[in-house]
PDB file of N, CA and C in Angstrom:
ATOM      1  N   MET A   1      90.242  96.688  91.823  1.00  0.00           N
ATOM      2  CA  MET A   1      91.256  96.605  92.619  1.00  0.00           C
ATOM      3  C   MET A   1      91.943  97.223  92.231  1.00  0.00           C
ATOM      4  N   SER A   2      92.585  98.133  93.331  1.00  0.00           N
ATOM      5  CA  SER A   2      93.462  99.540  92.657  1.00  0.00           C
ATOM      6  C   SER A   2      94.766  99.108  92.287  1.00  0.00           C
ATOM      7  N   GLU A   3      95.395  98.216  92.716  1.00  0.00           N
ATOM      8  CA  GLU A   3      96.758  98.019  92.652  1.00  0.00           C
ATOM      9  C   GLU A   3      96.864  97.362  91.073  1.00  0.00           C
ATOM     10  N   HIS A   4      97.885  98.078  90.437  1.00  0.00           N
ATOM     11  CA  HIS A   4      98.374  98.201  89.053  1.00  0.00           C
ATOM     12  C   HIS A   4      99.529  97.031  88.777  1.00  0.00           C
ATOM     13  N   ALA A   5      99.616  96.458  87.838  1.00  0.00           N
ATOM     14  CA  ALA A   5     100.908  95.769  87.559  1.00  0.00           C
ATOM     15  C   ALA A   5     102.126  96.272  87.757  1.00  0.00           C
ATOM     16  N   ASP A   6     102.950  95.575  88.683  1.00  0.00           N
ATOM     17  CA  ASP A   6     104.315  96.144  88.918  1.00  0.00           C
ATOM     18  C   ASP A   6     105.186  95.775  87.901  1.00  0.00           C
ATOM     19  N   PRO A   7     105.789  96.738  87.308  1.00  0.00           N
ATOM     20  CA  PRO A   7     106.906  96.651  86.206  1.00  0.00           C
ATOM     21  C   PRO A   7     107.998  95.793  86.759  1.00  0.00           C
ATOM     22  N   ASN A   8     108.316  95.643  88.094  1.00  0.00           N
ATOM     23  CA  ASN A   8     109.462  94.763  88.228  1.00  0.00           C
ATOM     24  C   ASN A   8     108.989  93.281  88.732  1.00  0.00           C
ATOM     25  N   ALA A   9     107.417  92.999  88.722  1.00  0.00           N
ATOM     26  CA  ALA A   9     107.356  91.628  89.203  1.00  0.00           C
ATOM     27  C   ALA A   9     107.469  90.730  88.399  1.00  0.00           C
ATOM     28  N   HIS A  10     107.607  89.386  89.470  1.00  0.00           N
ATOM     29  CA  HIS A  10     108.116  88.266  88.817  1.00  0.00           C
ATOM     30  C   HIS A  10     107.144  87.760  87.747  1.00  0.00           C
ATOM     31  N   PRO A  11     107.383  87.568  86.793  1.00  0.00           N
ATOM     32  CA  PRO A  11     106.265  87.038  85.408  1.00  0.00           C
ATOM     33  C   PRO A  11     105.597  85.830  85.984  1.00  0.00           C
ATOM     34  N   THR A  12     105.900  85.241  86.707  1.00  0.00           N
ATOM     35  CA  THR A  12     105.293  83.847  87.328  1.00  0.00           C
ATOM     36  C   THR A  12     104.737  84.289  88.478  1.00  0.00           C
ATOM     37  N   GLY A  13     104.477  85.554  88.760  1.00  0.00           N
ATOM     38  CA  GLY A  13     103.692  85.740  90.150  1.00  0.00           C
ATOM     39  C   GLY A  13     104.511  86.012  91.138  1.00  0.00           C
ATOM     40  N   GLY A  14     105.941  85.762  91.304  1.00  0.00           N
ATOM     41  CA  GLY A  14     106.485  86.232  92.449  1.00  0.00           C
ATOM     42  C   GLY A  14     106.084  87.583  92.909  1.00  0.00           C
ATOM     43  N   ALA A  15     106.928  87.727  94.071  1.00  0.00           N
ATOM     44  CA  ALA A  15     106.947  89.237  94.716  1.00  0.00           C
ATOM     45  C   ALA A  15     107.546  90.260  93.971  1.00  0.00           C
ATOM     46  N   GLY A  16     106.992  91.367  93.671  1.00  0.00           N
ATOM     47  CA  GLY A  16     107.767  92.281  93.229  1.00  0.00           C
ATOM     48  C   GLY A  16     108.250  93.291  93.877  1.00  0.00           C
ATOM     49  N   ARG A  17     108.714  94.199  93.607  1.00  0.00           N
ATOM     50  CA  ARG A  17     109.316  95.295  94.409  1.00  0.00           C
ATOM     51  C   ARG A  17     108.610  96.725  94.133  1.00  0.00           C
ATOM     52  N   ARG A  18     108.224  97.204  94.833  1.00  0.00           N
ATOM     53  CA  ARG A  18     107.622  99.030  94.594  1.00  0.00           C
ATOM     54  C   ARG A  18     108.673  99.843  95.973  1.00  0.00           C
ATOM     55  N   GLY A  19     109.504 100.096  95.443  1.00  0.00           N
ATOM     56  CA  GLY A  19     110.474 101.062  96.434  1.00  0.00           C
ATOM     57  C   GLY A  19     111.151  99.769  97.217  1.00  0.00           C
ATOM     58  N   ALA A  20     111.772 100.532  98.366  1.00  0.00           N
ATOM     59  CA  ALA A  20     112.853  99.672  99.271  1.00  0.00           C
ATOM     60  C   ALA A  20     111.808  98.563 100.039  1.00  0.00           C
ATOM     61  N   ASP A  21     110.537  98.796 100.263  1.00  0.00           N
ATOM     62  CA  ASP A  21     109.624  98.024 100.995  1.00  0.00           C
ATOM     63  C   ASP A  21     108.648  97.595 100.745  1.00  0.00           C
ATOM     64  N   MET A  22     108.196  98.134  99.824  1.00  0.00           N
ATOM     65  CA  MET A  22     106.752  97.712  99.068  1.00  0.00           C
ATOM     66  C   MET A  22     107.024  96.105  98.586  1.00  0.00           C
ATOM     67  N   SER A  23     106.744  94.844  98.753  1.00  0.00           N
ATOM     68  CA  SER A  23     106.654  93.739  97.868  1.00  0.00           C
ATOM     69  C   SER A  23     105.409  93.676  97.564  1.00  0.00           C
ATOM     70  N   THR A  24     105.147  93.484  96.244  1.00  0.00           N
ATOM     71  CA  THR A  24     103.655  92.803  95.952  1.00  0.00           C
ATOM     72  C   THR A  24     103.935  91.859  95.014  1.00  0.00           C
ATOM     73  N   PRO A  25     102.410  91.012  95.158  1.00  0.00           N
ATOM     74  CA  PRO A  25     102.494  89.800  94.263  1.00  0.00           C
ATOM     75  C   PRO A  25     101.515  90.024  93.034  1.00  0.00           C
ATOM     76  N   CYS A  26     100.733  91.697  93.154  1.00  0.00           N
ATOM     77  CA  CYS A  26     100.039  91.680  92.089  1.00  0.00           C
ATOM     78  C   CYS A  26     100.845  91.585  90.310  1.00  0.00           C
ATOM     79  N   ILE A  27     100.075  91.046  89.708  1.00  0.00           N
ATOM     80  CA  ILE A  27     100.578  90.943  88.379  1.00  0.00           C
ATOM     81  C   ILE A  27      99.858  91.366  87.343  1.00  0.00           C
ATOM     82  N   GLY A  28      98.791  92.317  87.739  1.00  0.00           N
ATOM     83  CA  GLY A  28      98.067  93.151  86.662  1.00  0.00           C
ATOM     84  C   GLY A  28      97.005  92.206  86.118  1.00  0.00           C
ATOM     85  N   VAL A  29      96.808  91.213  86.745  1.00  0.00           N
ATOM     86  CA  VAL A  29      95.218  90.517  86.434  1.00  0.00           C
ATOM     87  C   VAL A  29      94.405  90.379  87.281  1.00  0.00           C
ATOM     88  N   CYS A  30      93.728  91.863  87.551  1.00  0.00           N
ATOM     89  CA  CYS A  30      92.906  92.389  88.760  1.00  0.00           C
ATOM     90  C   CYS A  30      91.736  91.540  88.374  1.00  0.00           C
ATOM     91  N   GLN A  31      91.195  90.579  88.748  1.00  0.00           N
ATOM     92  CA  GLN A  31      89.422  90.047  88.626  1.00  0.00           C
ATOM     93  C   GLN A  31      89.345  89.541  90.137  1.00  0.00           C
ATOM     94  N   ALA A  32      88.149  89.659  90.716  1.00  0.00           N
ATOM     95  CA  ALA A  32      87.754  89.310  92.104  1.00  0.00           C
ATOM     96  C   ALA A  32      86.987  87.870  91.716  1.00  0.00           C
ATOM     97  N   ARG A  33      86.722  86.824  92.379  1.00  0.00           N
ATOM     98  CA  ARG A  33      86.093  85.876  92.109  1.00  0.00           C
ATOM     99  C   ARG A  33      86.214  84.926  93.743  1.00  0.00           C
ATOM    100  N   ASP A  34      85.055  84.755  94.162  1.00  0.00           N
ATOM    101  CA  ASP A  34      84.967  84.106  95.401  1.00  0.00           C
ATOM    102  C   ASP A  34      85.847  84.749  96.706  1.00  0.00           C
ATOM    103  N   GLY A  35      86.078  86.120  96.497  1.00  0.00           N
ATOM    104  CA  GLY A  35      86.441  86.827  97.428  1.00  0.00           C
ATOM    105  C   GLY A  35      87.971  86.910  97.518  1.00  0.00           C
ATOM    106  N   ALA A  36      88.505  86.781  96.204  1.00  0.00           N
ATOM    107  CA  ALA A  36      89.940  86.546  96.188  1.00  0.00           C
ATOM    108  C   ALA A  36      90.308  87.176  94.811  1.00  0.00           C
ATOM    109  N   CYS A  37      91.226  87.839  94.440  1.00  0.00           N
ATOM    110  CA  CYS A  37      92.001  88.265  93.066  1.00  0.00           C
ATOM    111  C   CYS A  37      92.361  86.870  92.565  1.00  0.00           C
ATOM    112  N   VAL A  38      92.062  86.732  91.221  1.00  0.00           N
ATOM    113  CA  VAL A  38      92.306  85.544  90.739  1.00  0.00           C
ATOM    114  C   VAL A  38      93.827  85.644  89.960  1.00  0.00           C
ATOM    115  N   GLY A  39      94.718  86.991  90.130  1.00  0.00           N
ATOM    116  CA  GLY A  39      95.846  86.947  89.493  1.00  0.00           C
ATOM    117  C   GLY A  39      96.868  86.646  90.607  1.00  0.00           C
ATOM    118  N   CYS A  40      96.649  87.601  91.689  1.00  0.00           N
ATOM    119  CA  CYS A  40      97.753  87.307  92.863  1.00  0.00           C
ATOM    120  C   CYS A  40      96.811  86.018  93.909  1.00  0.00           C
ATOM    121  N   LEU A  41      96.186  86.317  94.266  1.00  0.00           N
ATOM    122  CA  LEU A  41      95.072  85.200  94.812  1.00  0.00           C
ATOM    123  C   LEU A  41      95.446  85.865  96.196  1.00  0.00           C
ATOM    124  N   ARG A  42      95.659  86.851  96.470  1.00  0.00           N
ATOM    125  CA  ARG A  42      95.127  87.740  97.932  1.00  0.00           C
ATOM    126  C   ARG A  42      93.686  88.146  97.945  1.00  0.00           C
ATOM    127  N   THR A  43      93.247  87.745  99.089  1.00  0.00           N
ATOM    128  CA  THR A  43      91.847  88.128  99.478  1.00  0.00           C
ATOM    129  C   THR A  43      91.685  89.744  99.194  1.00  0.00           C
ATOM    130  N   LEU A  44      90.291  89.903  99.061  1.00  0.00           N
ATOM    131  CA  LEU A  44      90.105  91.442  98.770  1.00  0.00           C
ATOM    132  C   LEU A  44      90.357  92.356  99.976  1.00  0.00           C
ATOM    133  N   ALA A  45      90.469  91.785 101.191  1.00  0.00           N
ATOM    134  CA  ALA A  45      90.593  92.254 102.527  1.00  0.00           C
ATOM    135  C   ALA A  45      92.095  92.617 102.440  1.00  0.00           C
ATOM    136  N   GLU A  46      93.100  91.585 102.112  1.00  0.00           N
ATOM    137  CA  GLU A  46      94.480  91.466 102.252  1.00  0.00           C
ATOM    138  C   GLU A  46      95.009  92.776 101.261  1.00  0.00           C
ATOM    139  N   ILE A  47      94.122  92.970  99.846  1.00  0.00           N
ATOM    140  CA  ILE A  47      94.574  93.775  99.008  1.00  0.00           C
ATOM    141  C   ILE A  47      94.283  95.265  99.607  1.00  0.00           C
ATOM    142  N   ALA A  48      92.871  95.175 100.302  1.00  0.00           N
ATOM    143  CA  ALA A  48      92.318  96.522 100.629  1.00  0.00           C
ATOM    144  C   ALA A  48      93.403  97.180 101.887  1.00  0.00           C
ATOM    145  N   ALA A  49      93.828  96.268 102.477  1.00  0.00           N
ATOM    146  CA  ALA A  49      94.794  96.525 103.465  1.00  0.00           C
ATOM    147  C   ALA A  49      96.489  96.636 103.268  1.00  0.00           C
ATOM    148  N   TRP A  50      96.693  96.199 102.149  1.00  0.00           N
ATOM    149  CA  TRP A  50      98.102  96.103 101.736  1.00  0.00           C
ATOM    150  C   TRP A  50      98.989  97.173 102.086  1.00  0.00           C
ATOM    151  N   SER A  51      98.962  98.099 101.853  1.00  0.00           N
ATOM    152  CA  SER A  51      99.711  99.423 101.956  1.00  0.00           C
ATOM    153  C   SER A  51     100.109  99.844 103.490  1.00  0.00           C
ATOM    154  N   GLY A  52      99.119  99.379 104.476  1.00  0.00           N
ATOM    155  CA  GLY A  52      99.003  99.548 105.708  1.00  0.00           C
ATOM    156  C   GLY A  52      99.615  98.362 106.685  1.00  0.00           C
ATOM    157  N   LEU A  53      99.916  97.248 105.510  1.00  0.00           N
ATOM    158  CA  LEU A  53     100.442  95.999 106.781  1.00  0.00           C
ATOM    159  C   LEU A  53     101.883  96.427 106.918  1.00  0.00           C
ATOM    160  N   SER A  54     102.677  95.656 107.698  1.00  0.00           N
ATOM    161  CA  SER A  54     103.782  96.035 107.895  1.00  0.00           C
ATOM    162  C   SER A  54     104.677  94.840 107.021  1.00  0.00           C
ATOM    163  N   GLN A  55     106.061  95.252 106.864  1.00  0.00           N
ATOM    164  CA  GLN A  55     106.768  94.415 105.842  1.00  0.00           C
ATOM    165  C   GLN A  55     106.507  92.704 106.536  1.00  0.00           C
ATOM    166  N   ALA A  56     106.541  92.607 107.573  1.00  0.00           N
ATOM    167  CA  ALA A  56     106.800  91.273 108.233  1.00  0.00           C
ATOM    168  C   ALA A  56     105.177  90.473 107.650  1.00  0.00           C
ATOM    169  N   GLU A  57     104.212  91.481 107.800  1.00  0.00           N
ATOM    170  CA  GLU A  57     103.010  90.655 107.712  1.00  0.00           C
ATOM    171  C   GLU A  57     102.765  90.320 105.716  1.00  0.00           C
ATOM    172  N   ARG A  58     103.295  91.655 105.144  1.00  0.00           N
ATOM    173  CA  ARG A  58     103.318  91.433 103.725  1.00  0.00           C
ATOM    174  C   ARG A  58     103.939  90.051 103.483  1.00  0.00           C
ATOM    175  N   LEU A  59     105.325  89.713 104.074  1.00  0.00           N
ATOM    176  CA  LEU A  59     106.209  88.778 103.779  1.00  0.00           C
ATOM    177  C   LEU A  59     105.591  87.575 103.964  1.00  0.00           C
ATOM    178  N   ARG A  60     104.706  87.343 105.063  1.00  0.00           N
ATOM    179  CA  ARG A  60     104.071  86.144 105.859  1.00  0.00           C
ATOM    180  C   ARG A  60     102.833  85.744 105.027  1.00  0.00           C
ATOM    181  N   ILE A  61     102.601  86.807 104.195  1.00  0.00           N
ATOM    182  CA  ILE A  61     101.429  86.311 103.013  1.00  0.00           C
ATOM    183  C   ILE A  61     101.898  86.180 101.867  1.00  0.00           C
ATOM    184  N   LEU A  62     103.216  86.673 101.212  1.00  0.00           N
ATOM    185  CA  LEU A  62     103.711  86.156 100.115  1.00  0.00           C
ATOM    186  C   LEU A  62     104.556  85.143 100.449  1.00  0.00           C
ATOM    187  N   HIS A  63     104.967  84.743 101.149  1.00  0.00           N
ATOM    188  CA  HIS A  63     105.592  83.661 101.425  1.00  0.00           C
ATOM    189  C   HIS A  63     105.209  82.456 102.123  1.00  0.00           C
ATOM    190  N   HIS A  64     104.040  82.507 102.909  1.00  0.00           N
ATOM    191  CA  HIS A  64     103.191  81.460 103.353  1.00  0.00           C
ATOM    192  C   HIS A  64     102.082  81.491 103.091  1.00  0.00           C
ATOM    193  N   GLU A  65     101.410  82.677 102.933  1.00  0.00           N
ATOM    194  CA  GLU A  65      99.760  81.974 102.650  1.00  0.00           C
ATOM    195  C   GLU A  65      99.794  81.711 101.218  1.00  0.00           C
ATOM    196  N   LEU A  66     100.260  83.037 100.219  1.00  0.00           N
ATOM    197  CA  LEU A  66     100.043  82.706  98.865  1.00  0.00           C
ATOM    198  C   LEU A  66     100.686  81.231  98.070  1.00  0.00           C
ATOM    199  N   PRO A  67     101.711  80.885  98.504  1.00  0.00           N
ATOM    200  CA  PRO A  67     102.236  79.418  98.089  1.00  0.00           C
ATOM    201  C   PRO A  67     101.160  78.468  98.375  1.00  0.00           C
ATOM    202  N   ARG A  68     100.434  78.341  99.678  1.00  0.00           N
ATOM    203  CA  ARG A  68      99.411  77.302  99.844  1.00  0.00           C
ATOM    204  C   ARG A  68      98.091  77.723  98.764  1.00  0.00           C
ATOM    205  N   ARG A  69      97.881  78.764  98.790  1.00  0.00           N
ATOM    206  CA  ARG A  69      96.719  79.074  97.481  1.00  0.00           C
ATOM    207  C   ARG A  69      96.851  78.656  96.451  1.00  0.00           C
ATOM    208  N   ARG A  70      98.114  78.783  96.107  1.00  0.00           N
ATOM    209  CA  ARG A  70      98.563  78.335  94.531  1.00  0.00           C
ATOM    210  C   ARG A  70      98.468  76.940  94.363  1.00  0.00           C
ATOM    211  N   GLN A  71      98.965  76.567  95.699  1.00  0.00           N
ATOM    212  CA  GLN A  71      98.964  74.850  95.469  1.00  0.00           C
ATOM    213  C   GLN A  71      97.465  74.456  95.377  1.00  0.00           C
ATOM    214  N   ARG A  72      96.597  75.048  96.128  1.00  0.00           N
ATOM    215  CA  ARG A  72      95.415  74.400  96.236  1.00  0.00           C
ATOM    216  C   ARG A  72      94.420  75.111  94.718  1.00  0.00           C
ATOM    217  N   ALA A  73      95.039  76.336  94.211  1.00  0.00           N
ATOM    218  CA  ALA A  73      94.452  76.416  92.923  1.00  0.00           C
ATOM    219  C   ALA A  73      94.575  75.229  91.758  1.00  0.00           C
ATOM    220  N   GLN A  74      95.733  74.690  92.052  1.00  0.00           N
ATOM    221  CA  GLN A  74      96.206  73.517  91.090  1.00  0.00           C
ATOM    222  C   GLN A  74      95.300  72.316  90.924  1.00  0.00           C
ATOM    223  N   PRO A  75      95.051  71.813  89.765  1.00  0.00           N
ATOM    224  CA  PRO A  75      94.160  70.306  89.789  1.00  0.00           C
ATOM    225  C   PRO A  75      94.646  69.599  90.715  1.00  0.00           C
ATOM    226  N   GLY A  76      93.883  69.031  91.218  1.00  0.00           N
ATOM    227  CA  GLY A  76      94.244  67.825  92.659  1.00  0.00           C
ATOM    228  C   GLY A  76      94.285  68.481  93.683  1.00  0.00           C
ATOM    229  N   GLY A  77      94.881  69.805  93.551  1.00  0.00           N
ATOM    230  CA  GLY A  77      95.517  70.566  95.160  1.00  0.00           C
ATOM    231  C   GLY A  77      94.405  70.394  96.333  1.00  0.00           C
ATOM    232  N   PRO A  78      94.770  70.165  97.618  1.00  0.00           N
ATOM    233  CA  PRO A  78      93.786  70.372  98.705  1.00  0.00           C
ATOM    234  C   PRO A  78      92.782  71.291  98.598  1.00  0.00           C
ATOM    235  N   THR A  79      91.467  71.095  99.145  1.00  0.00           N
ATOM    236  CA  THR A  79      90.860  71.609  99.219  1.00  0.00           C
ATOM    237  C   THR A  79      90.937  72.726 100.346  1.00  0.00           C
ATOM    238  N   PRO A  80      90.336  74.027 100.269  1.00  0.00           N
ATOM    239  CA  PRO A  80      90.988  74.907 101.052  1.00  0.00           C
ATOM    240  C   PRO A  80      89.689  74.630 102.605  1.00  0.00           C
ATOM    241  N   LYS A  81      90.100  75.200 103.533  1.00  0.00           N
ATOM    242  CA  LYS A  81      89.168  74.359 104.571  1.00  0.00           C
ATOM    243  C   LYS A  81      88.347  75.827 105.082  1.00  0.00           C
ATOM    244  N   ALA A  82      87.456  75.602 105.696  1.00  0.00           N
ATOM    245  CA  ALA A  82      86.220  76.851 106.163  1.00  0.00           C
ATOM    246  C   ALA A  82      86.690  77.742 106.643  1.00  0.00           C
ATOM    247  N   GLY A  83      86.561  79.010 106.293  1.00  0.00           N
ATOM    248  CA  GLY A  83      86.987  80.252 106.383  1.00  0.00           C
ATOM    249  C   GLY A  83      88.508  80.488 105.733  1.00  0.00           C
ATOM    250  N   GLU A  84      89.019  79.953 104.914  1.00  0.00           N
ATOM    251  CA  GLU A  84      90.070  79.989 104.253  1.00  0.00           C
ATOM    252  C   GLU A  84      89.973  80.738 103.169  1.00  0.00           C
ATOM    253  N   ALA A  85      90.811  81.551 102.221  1.00  0.00           N
ATOM    254  CA  ALA A  85      90.501  81.739 101.037  1.00  0.00           C
ATOM    255  C   ALA A  85      90.561  80.975  99.994  1.00  0.00           C
ATOM    256  N   PRO A  86      89.719  80.941  98.949  1.00  0.00           N
ATOM    257  CA  PRO A  86      89.615  80.329  97.802  1.00  0.00           C
ATOM    258  C   PRO A  86      91.137  80.024  97.047  1.00  0.00           C
ATOM    259  N   GLY A  87      91.436  78.888  96.492  1.00  0.00           N
ATOM    260  CA  GLY A  87      92.777  78.865  95.675  1.00  0.00           C
ATOM    261  C   GLY A  87      92.069  79.661  94.353  1.00  0.00           C
TER     262      GLY A  87
END
């Protein structure tokens, strides 16, 4: 994964800021497992496309997709549905 830790990133994995419009959940724990990063929980496709995504699409991933993935990643969390990124 080519993204590096954002020095302004929230230490618990919240959205960091890069410039005026580049939010990123990258926390510098860049390891791929089951098609997703274990640090930020984005899929490899999301990471590859990140810089080309609109601000609205990045915010949708940050505020809707990633919280669901974090919940599933917790012990006892819901199991991912077929086709969804693992938690």
